[in-house]
Amino acid sequence: MNALILASEASTTGISGHTWSLLIGGGIFVALMILLLITVSYTNVGNRHPAKEEDQDIHRQFKTHEPHSH
């Protein structure tokens, strides 16, 4: 049995499955945090300027303006 354990330990080289899962999960987490930072920075820039007056859109589902008289 000792020879089998020693042989299996000698044959396993590289990174274990647990380490791979931590690396992949950590990479995904870092990527999402970067996207969150970009989103927050654009929101911050958008709040620096006053809102522009919006044109009336007759195709809007929830109408907030006077209906057209034909």
PDB file of N, CA and C in Angstrom:
ATOM      1  N   MET A   1       0.822  -1.191   0.000  1.00  0.00           N
ATOM      2  CA  MET A   1       0.000   0.000   0.000  1.00  0.00           C
ATOM      3  C   MET A   1       0.867   1.256   0.000  1.00  0.00           C
ATOM      4  N   ASN A   2       1.974   1.244   0.708  1.00  0.00           N
ATOM      5  CA  ASN A   2       2.872   2.386   0.731  1.00  0.00           C
ATOM      6  C   ASN A   2       3.415   2.690  -0.657  1.00  0.00           C
ATOM      7  N   ALA A   3       3.741   1.656  -1.400  1.00  0.00           N
ATOM      8  CA  ALA A   3       4.273   1.861  -2.744  1.00  0.00           C
ATOM      9  C   ALA A   3       3.220   2.517  -3.639  1.00  0.00           C
ATOM     10  N   LEU A   4       1.945   2.145  -3.455  1.00  0.00           N
ATOM     11  CA  LEU A   4       0.863   2.733  -4.241  1.00  0.00           C
ATOM     12  C   LEU A   4       0.692   4.220  -3.909  1.00  0.00           C
ATOM     13  N   ILE A   5       0.765   4.568  -2.646  1.00  0.00           N
ATOM     14  CA  ILE A   5       0.636   5.968  -2.232  1.00  0.00           C
ATOM     15  C   ILE A   5       1.813   6.776  -2.753  1.00  0.00           C
ATOM     16  N   LEU A   6       3.007   6.248  -2.624  1.00  0.00           N
ATOM     17  CA  LEU A   6       4.196   6.947  -3.107  1.00  0.00           C
ATOM     18  C   LEU A   6       4.150   7.126  -4.620  1.00  0.00           C
ATOM     19  N   ALA A   7       3.666   6.119  -5.329  1.00  0.00           N
ATOM     20  CA  ALA A   7       3.574   6.220  -6.787  1.00  0.00           C
ATOM     21  C   ALA A   7       2.526   7.248  -7.205  1.00  0.00           C
ATOM     22  N   SER A   8       1.409   7.311  -6.489  1.00  0.00           N
ATOM     23  CA  SER A   8       0.374   8.274  -6.847  1.00  0.00           C
ATOM     24  C   SER A   8       0.828   9.701  -6.522  1.00  0.00           C
ATOM     25  N   GLU A   9       1.572   9.871  -5.438  1.00  0.00           N
ATOM     26  CA  GLU A   9       2.092  11.192  -5.109  1.00  0.00           C
ATOM     27  C   GLU A   9       3.154  11.634  -6.105  1.00  0.00           C
ATOM     28  N   ALA A  10       3.934  10.726  -6.596  1.00  0.00           N
ATOM     29  CA  ALA A  10       4.982  11.058  -7.551  1.00  0.00           C
ATOM     30  C   ALA A  10       4.389  11.387  -8.925  1.00  0.00           C
ATOM     31  N   SER A  11       3.255  10.791  -9.230  1.00  0.00           N
ATOM     32  CA  SER A  11       2.673  11.010 -10.549  1.00  0.00           C
ATOM     33  C   SER A  11       1.839  12.287 -10.621  1.00  0.00           C
ATOM     34  N   THR A  12       1.422  12.817  -9.490  1.00  0.00           N
ATOM     35  CA  THR A  12       0.610  14.038  -9.516  1.00  0.00           C
ATOM     36  C   THR A  12       1.525  15.254  -9.522  1.00  0.00           C
ATOM     37  N   THR A  13       1.570  15.910 -10.647  1.00  0.00           N
ATOM     38  CA  THR A  13       2.358  17.132 -10.756  1.00  0.00           C
ATOM     39  C   THR A  13       1.422  18.257 -11.166  1.00  0.00           C
ATOM     40  N   GLY A  14       1.769  19.461 -10.868  1.00  0.00           N
ATOM     41  CA  GLY A  14       0.940  20.596 -11.240  1.00  0.00           C
ATOM     42  C   GLY A  14       0.068  21.052 -10.094  1.00  0.00           C
ATOM     43  N   ILE A  15      -0.956  21.772 -10.462  1.00  0.00           N
ATOM     44  CA  ILE A  15      -1.827  22.397  -9.474  1.00  0.00           C
ATOM     45  C   ILE A  15      -3.030  21.492  -9.219  1.00  0.00           C
ATOM     46  N   SER A  16      -3.433  21.414  -7.952  1.00  0.00           N
ATOM     47  CA  SER A  16      -4.566  20.557  -7.595  1.00  0.00           C
ATOM     48  C   SER A  16      -5.881  21.187  -8.060  1.00  0.00           C
ATOM     49  N   GLY A  17      -6.929  20.401  -8.026  1.00  0.00           N
ATOM     50  CA  GLY A  17      -8.237  20.883  -8.455  1.00  0.00           C
ATOM     51  C   GLY A  17      -8.769  21.994  -7.568  1.00  0.00           C
ATOM     52  N   HIS A  18      -8.497  21.900  -6.275  1.00  0.00           N
ATOM     53  CA  HIS A  18      -8.942  22.936  -5.340  1.00  0.00           C
ATOM     54  C   HIS A  18      -8.273  24.274  -5.662  1.00  0.00           C
ATOM     55  N   THR A  19      -7.002  24.232  -5.966  1.00  0.00           N
ATOM     56  CA  THR A  19      -6.280  25.461  -6.299  1.00  0.00           C
ATOM     57  C   THR A  19      -6.797  26.052  -7.606  1.00  0.00           C
ATOM     58  N   TRP A  20      -7.068  25.191  -8.596  1.00  0.00           N
ATOM     59  CA  TRP A  20      -7.626  25.680  -9.864  1.00  0.00           C
ATOM     60  C   TRP A  20      -8.968  26.375  -9.643  1.00  0.00           C
ATOM     61  N   SER A  21      -9.809  25.780  -8.810  1.00  0.00           N
ATOM     62  CA  SER A  21     -11.122  26.389  -8.561  1.00  0.00           C
ATOM     63  C   SER A  21     -10.981  27.738  -7.877  1.00  0.00           C
ATOM     64  N   LEU A  22     -10.020  27.866  -6.953  1.00  0.00           N
ATOM     65  CA  LEU A  22      -9.790  29.158  -6.313  1.00  0.00           C
ATOM     66  C   LEU A  22      -9.251  30.186  -7.306  1.00  0.00           C
ATOM     67  N   LEU A  23      -8.370  29.767  -8.194  1.00  0.00           N
ATOM     68  CA  LEU A  23      -7.822  30.685  -9.182  1.00  0.00           C
ATOM     69  C   LEU A  23      -8.898  31.162 -10.165  1.00  0.00           C
ATOM     70  N   ILE A  24      -9.712  30.243 -10.652  1.00  0.00           N
ATOM     71  CA  ILE A  24     -10.763  30.602 -11.608  1.00  0.00           C
ATOM     72  C   ILE A  24     -11.820  31.465 -10.923  1.00  0.00           C
ATOM     73  N   GLY A  25     -12.246  31.072  -9.735  1.00  0.00           N
ATOM     74  CA  GLY A  25     -13.236  31.861  -8.997  1.00  0.00           C
ATOM     75  C   GLY A  25     -12.701  33.241  -8.640  1.00  0.00           C
ATOM     76  N   GLY A  26     -11.447  33.299  -8.224  1.00  0.00           N
ATOM     77  CA  GLY A  26     -10.834  34.592  -7.910  1.00  0.00           C
ATOM     78  C   GLY A  26     -10.710  35.469  -9.138  1.00  0.00           C
ATOM     79  N   GLY A  27     -10.383  34.880 -10.285  1.00  0.00           N
ATOM     80  CA  GLY A  27     -10.291  35.644 -11.529  1.00  0.00           C
ATOM     81  C   GLY A  27     -11.635  36.217 -11.937  1.00  0.00           C
ATOM     82  N   ILE A  28     -12.690  35.412 -11.804  1.00  0.00           N
ATOM     83  CA  ILE A  28     -14.035  35.890 -12.130  1.00  0.00           C
ATOM     84  C   ILE A  28     -14.437  37.011 -11.174  1.00  0.00           C
ATOM     85  N   PHE A  29     -14.129  36.846  -9.885  1.00  0.00           N
ATOM     86  CA  PHE A  29     -14.456  37.866  -8.898  1.00  0.00           C
ATOM     87  C   PHE A  29     -13.743  39.184  -9.209  1.00  0.00           C
ATOM     88  N   VAL A  30     -12.460  39.103  -9.531  1.00  0.00           N
ATOM     89  CA  VAL A  30     -11.689  40.312  -9.856  1.00  0.00           C
ATOM     90  C   VAL A  30     -12.257  40.984 -11.112  1.00  0.00           C
ATOM     91  N   ALA A  31     -12.606  40.200 -12.132  1.00  0.00           N
ATOM     92  CA  ALA A  31     -13.169  40.768 -13.355  1.00  0.00           C
ATOM     93  C   ALA A  31     -14.488  41.480 -13.071  1.00  0.00           C
ATOM     94  N   LEU A  32     -15.349  40.886 -12.250  1.00  0.00           N
ATOM     95  CA  LEU A  32     -16.620  41.527 -11.924  1.00  0.00           C
ATOM     96  C   LEU A  32     -16.425  42.779 -11.080  1.00  0.00           C
ATOM     97  N   MET A  33     -15.429  42.779 -10.198  1.00  0.00           N
ATOM     98  CA  MET A  33     -15.147  43.974  -9.400  1.00  0.00           C
ATOM     99  C   MET A  33     -14.640  45.119 -10.285  1.00  0.00           C
ATOM    100  N   ILE A  34     -13.862  44.798 -11.302  1.00  0.00           N
ATOM    101  CA  ILE A  34     -13.395  45.824 -12.242  1.00  0.00           C
ATOM    102  C   ILE A  34     -14.572  46.393 -13.019  1.00  0.00           C
ATOM    103  N   LEU A  35     -15.482  45.527 -13.478  1.00  0.00           N
ATOM    104  CA  LEU A  35     -16.680  46.002 -14.180  1.00  0.00           C
ATOM    105  C   LEU A  35     -17.558  46.853 -13.265  1.00  0.00           C
ATOM    106  N   LEU A  36     -17.647  46.482 -11.984  1.00  0.00           N
ATOM    107  CA  LEU A  36     -18.408  47.281 -11.031  1.00  0.00           C
ATOM    108  C   LEU A  36     -17.780  48.655 -10.859  1.00  0.00           C
ATOM    109  N   LEU A  37     -16.468  48.720 -10.777  1.00  0.00           N
ATOM    110  CA  LEU A  37     -15.771  49.998 -10.640  1.00  0.00           C
ATOM    111  C   LEU A  37     -16.017  50.883 -11.863  1.00  0.00           C
ATOM    112  N   ILE A  38     -15.993  50.294 -13.054  1.00  0.00           N
ATOM    113  CA  ILE A  38     -16.262  51.060 -14.276  1.00  0.00           C
ATOM    114  C   ILE A  38     -17.692  51.589 -14.265  1.00  0.00           C
ATOM    115  N   THR A  39     -18.647  50.767 -13.868  1.00  0.00           N
ATOM    116  CA  THR A  39     -20.047  51.182 -13.824  1.00  0.00           C
ATOM    117  C   THR A  39     -20.248  52.326 -12.837  1.00  0.00           C
ATOM    118  N   VAL A  40     -19.651  52.206 -11.668  1.00  0.00           N
ATOM    119  CA  VAL A  40     -19.800  53.257 -10.656  1.00  0.00           C
ATOM    120  C   VAL A  40     -19.146  54.547 -11.121  1.00  0.00           C
ATOM    121  N   SER A  41     -18.018  54.455 -11.801  1.00  0.00           N
ATOM    122  CA  SER A  41     -17.356  55.674 -12.260  1.00  0.00           C
ATOM    123  C   SER A  41     -18.188  56.377 -13.326  1.00  0.00           C
ATOM    124  N   TYR A  42     -18.835  55.629 -14.227  1.00  0.00           N
ATOM    125  CA  TYR A  42     -19.703  56.259 -15.224  1.00  0.00           C
ATOM    126  C   TYR A  42     -20.933  56.879 -14.568  1.00  0.00           C
ATOM    127  N   THR A  43     -21.475  56.254 -13.544  1.00  0.00           N
ATOM    128  CA  THR A  43     -22.602  56.820 -12.818  1.00  0.00           C
ATOM    129  C   THR A  43     -22.196  58.125 -12.156  1.00  0.00           C
ATOM    130  N   ASN A  44     -21.002  58.151 -11.587  1.00  0.00           N
ATOM    131  CA  ASN A  44     -20.496  59.350 -10.939  1.00  0.00           C
ATOM    132  C   ASN A  44     -20.344  60.483 -11.955  1.00  0.00           C
ATOM    133  N   VAL A  45     -19.820  60.198 -13.136  1.00  0.00           N
ATOM    134  CA  VAL A  45     -19.664  61.211 -14.176  1.00  0.00           C
ATOM    135  C   VAL A  45     -21.034  61.700 -14.636  1.00  0.00           C
ATOM    136  N   GLY A  46     -21.999  60.801 -14.752  1.00  0.00           N
ATOM    137  CA  GLY A  46     -23.338  61.184 -15.184  1.00  0.00           C
ATOM    138  C   GLY A  46     -24.034  62.098 -14.198  1.00  0.00           C
ATOM    139  N   ASN A  47     -23.721  61.990 -12.919  1.00  0.00           N
ATOM    140  CA  ASN A  47     -24.357  62.834 -11.915  1.00  0.00           C
ATOM    141  C   ASN A  47     -23.725  64.223 -11.827  1.00  0.00           C
ATOM    142  N   ARG A  48     -22.632  64.471 -12.517  1.00  0.00           N
ATOM    143  CA  ARG A  48     -21.982  65.775 -12.466  1.00  0.00           C
ATOM    144  C   ARG A  48     -22.717  66.820 -13.300  1.00  0.00           C
ATOM    145  N   HIS A  49     -23.491  66.378 -14.279  1.00  0.00           N
ATOM    146  CA  HIS A  49     -24.125  67.292 -15.214  1.00  0.00           C
ATOM    147  C   HIS A  49     -25.624  67.327 -14.979  1.00  0.00           C
ATOM    148  N   PRO A  50     -26.261  68.472 -15.239  1.00  0.00           N
ATOM    149  CA  PRO A  50     -27.720  68.521 -15.075  1.00  0.00           C
ATOM    150  C   PRO A  50     -28.405  67.661 -16.142  1.00  0.00           C
ATOM    151  N   ALA A  51     -29.588  67.214 -15.810  1.00  0.00           N
ATOM    152  CA  ALA A  51     -30.342  66.370 -16.742  1.00  0.00           C
ATOM    153  C   ALA A  51     -30.797  67.203 -17.931  1.00  0.00           C
ATOM    154  N   LYS A  52     -30.726  66.620 -19.121  1.00  0.00           N
ATOM    155  CA  LYS A  52     -31.167  67.311 -20.335  1.00  0.00           C
ATOM    156  C   LYS A  52     -32.661  67.132 -20.506  1.00  0.00           C
ATOM    157  N   GLU A  53     -33.282  68.120 -21.111  1.00  0.00           N
ATOM    158  CA  GLU A  53     -34.711  68.023 -21.406  1.00  0.00           C
ATOM    159  C   GLU A  53     -34.914  66.962 -22.480  1.00  0.00           C
ATOM    160  N   GLU A  54     -35.883  66.087 -22.266  1.00  0.00           N
ATOM    161  CA  GLU A  54     -36.102  64.954 -23.159  1.00  0.00           C
ATOM    162  C   GLU A  54     -37.178  65.294 -24.186  1.00  0.00           C
ATOM    163  N   ASP A  55     -36.942  64.882 -25.419  1.00  0.00           N
ATOM    164  CA  ASP A  55     -37.947  65.066 -26.461  1.00  0.00           C
ATOM    165  C   ASP A  55     -39.135  64.148 -26.200  1.00  0.00           C
ATOM    166  N   GLN A  56     -40.299  64.560 -26.683  1.00  0.00           N
ATOM    167  CA  GLN A  56     -41.480  63.727 -26.526  1.00  0.00           C
ATOM    168  C   GLN A  56     -41.390  62.533 -27.467  1.00  0.00           C
ATOM    169  N   ASP A  57     -41.629  61.375 -26.938  1.00  0.00           N
ATOM    170  CA  ASP A  57     -41.574  60.144 -27.718  1.00  0.00           C
ATOM    171  C   ASP A  57     -42.971  59.549 -27.778  1.00  0.00           C
ATOM    172  N   ILE A  58     -43.568  59.549 -28.975  1.00  0.00           N
ATOM    173  CA  ILE A  58     -44.941  59.060 -29.099  1.00  0.00           C
ATOM    174  C   ILE A  58     -45.021  57.541 -28.978  1.00  0.00           C
ATOM    175  N   HIS A  59     -43.903  56.859 -29.037  1.00  0.00           N
ATOM    176  CA  HIS A  59     -43.903  55.396 -28.972  1.00  0.00           C
ATOM    177  C   HIS A  59     -43.607  54.876 -27.574  1.00  0.00           C
ATOM    178  N   ARG A  60     -43.489  55.764 -26.609  1.00  0.00           N
ATOM    179  CA  ARG A  60     -43.196  55.339 -25.240  1.00  0.00           C
ATOM    180  C   ARG A  60     -44.395  54.589 -24.677  1.00  0.00           C
ATOM    181  N   GLN A  61     -44.132  53.538 -23.938  1.00  0.00           N
ATOM    182  CA  GLN A  61     -45.216  52.719 -23.418  1.00  0.00           C
ATOM    183  C   GLN A  61     -45.972  53.453 -22.309  1.00  0.00           C
ATOM    184  N   PHE A  62     -45.254  54.065 -21.387  1.00  0.00           N
ATOM    185  CA  PHE A  62     -45.879  54.799 -20.301  1.00  0.00           C
ATOM    186  C   PHE A  62     -45.793  56.282 -20.635  1.00  0.00           C
ATOM    187  N   LYS A  63     -46.871  56.828 -21.130  1.00  0.00           N
ATOM    188  CA  LYS A  63     -46.857  58.209 -21.599  1.00  0.00           C
ATOM    189  C   LYS A  63     -46.892  59.164 -20.403  1.00  0.00           C
ATOM    190  N   THR A  64     -45.974  60.121 -20.427  1.00  0.00           N
ATOM    191  CA  THR A  64     -45.913  61.103 -19.358  1.00  0.00           C
ATOM    192  C   THR A  64     -46.208  62.500 -19.890  1.00  0.00           C
ATOM    193  N   HIS A  65     -46.641  62.604 -21.138  1.00  0.00           N
ATOM    194  CA  HIS A  65     -46.915  63.892 -21.747  1.00  0.00           C
ATOM    195  C   HIS A  65     -48.351  63.926 -22.277  1.00  0.00           C
ATOM    196  N   GLU A  66     -48.749  65.086 -22.707  1.00  0.00           N
ATOM    197  CA  GLU A  66     -50.107  65.266 -23.223  1.00  0.00           C
ATOM    198  C   GLU A  66     -50.304  64.451 -24.503  1.00  0.00           C
ATOM    199  N   PRO A  67     -51.450  63.808 -24.666  1.00  0.00           N
ATOM    200  CA  PRO A  67     -51.696  63.080 -25.925  1.00  0.00           C
ATOM    201  C   PRO A  67     -51.839  64.050 -27.088  1.00  0.00           C
ATOM    202  N   HIS A  68     -51.526  63.580 -28.280  1.00  0.00           N
ATOM    203  CA  HIS A  68     -51.613  64.394 -29.470  1.00  0.00           C
ATOM    204  C   HIS A  68     -53.071  64.582 -29.866  1.00  0.00           C
ATOM    205  N   SER A  69     -53.396  65.776 -30.312  1.00  0.00           N
ATOM    206  CA  SER A  69     -54.769  66.016 -30.794  1.00  0.00           C
ATOM    207  C   SER A  69     -54.730  66.043 -32.321  1.00  0.00           C
ATOM    208  N   HIS A  70     -55.512  65.182 -32.940  1.00  0.00           N
ATOM    209  CA  HIS A  70     -55.520  65.088 -34.414  1.00  0.00           C
ATOM    210  C   HIS A  70     -56.749  65.714 -34.970  1.00  0.00           C
TER     211      HIS A  70
END
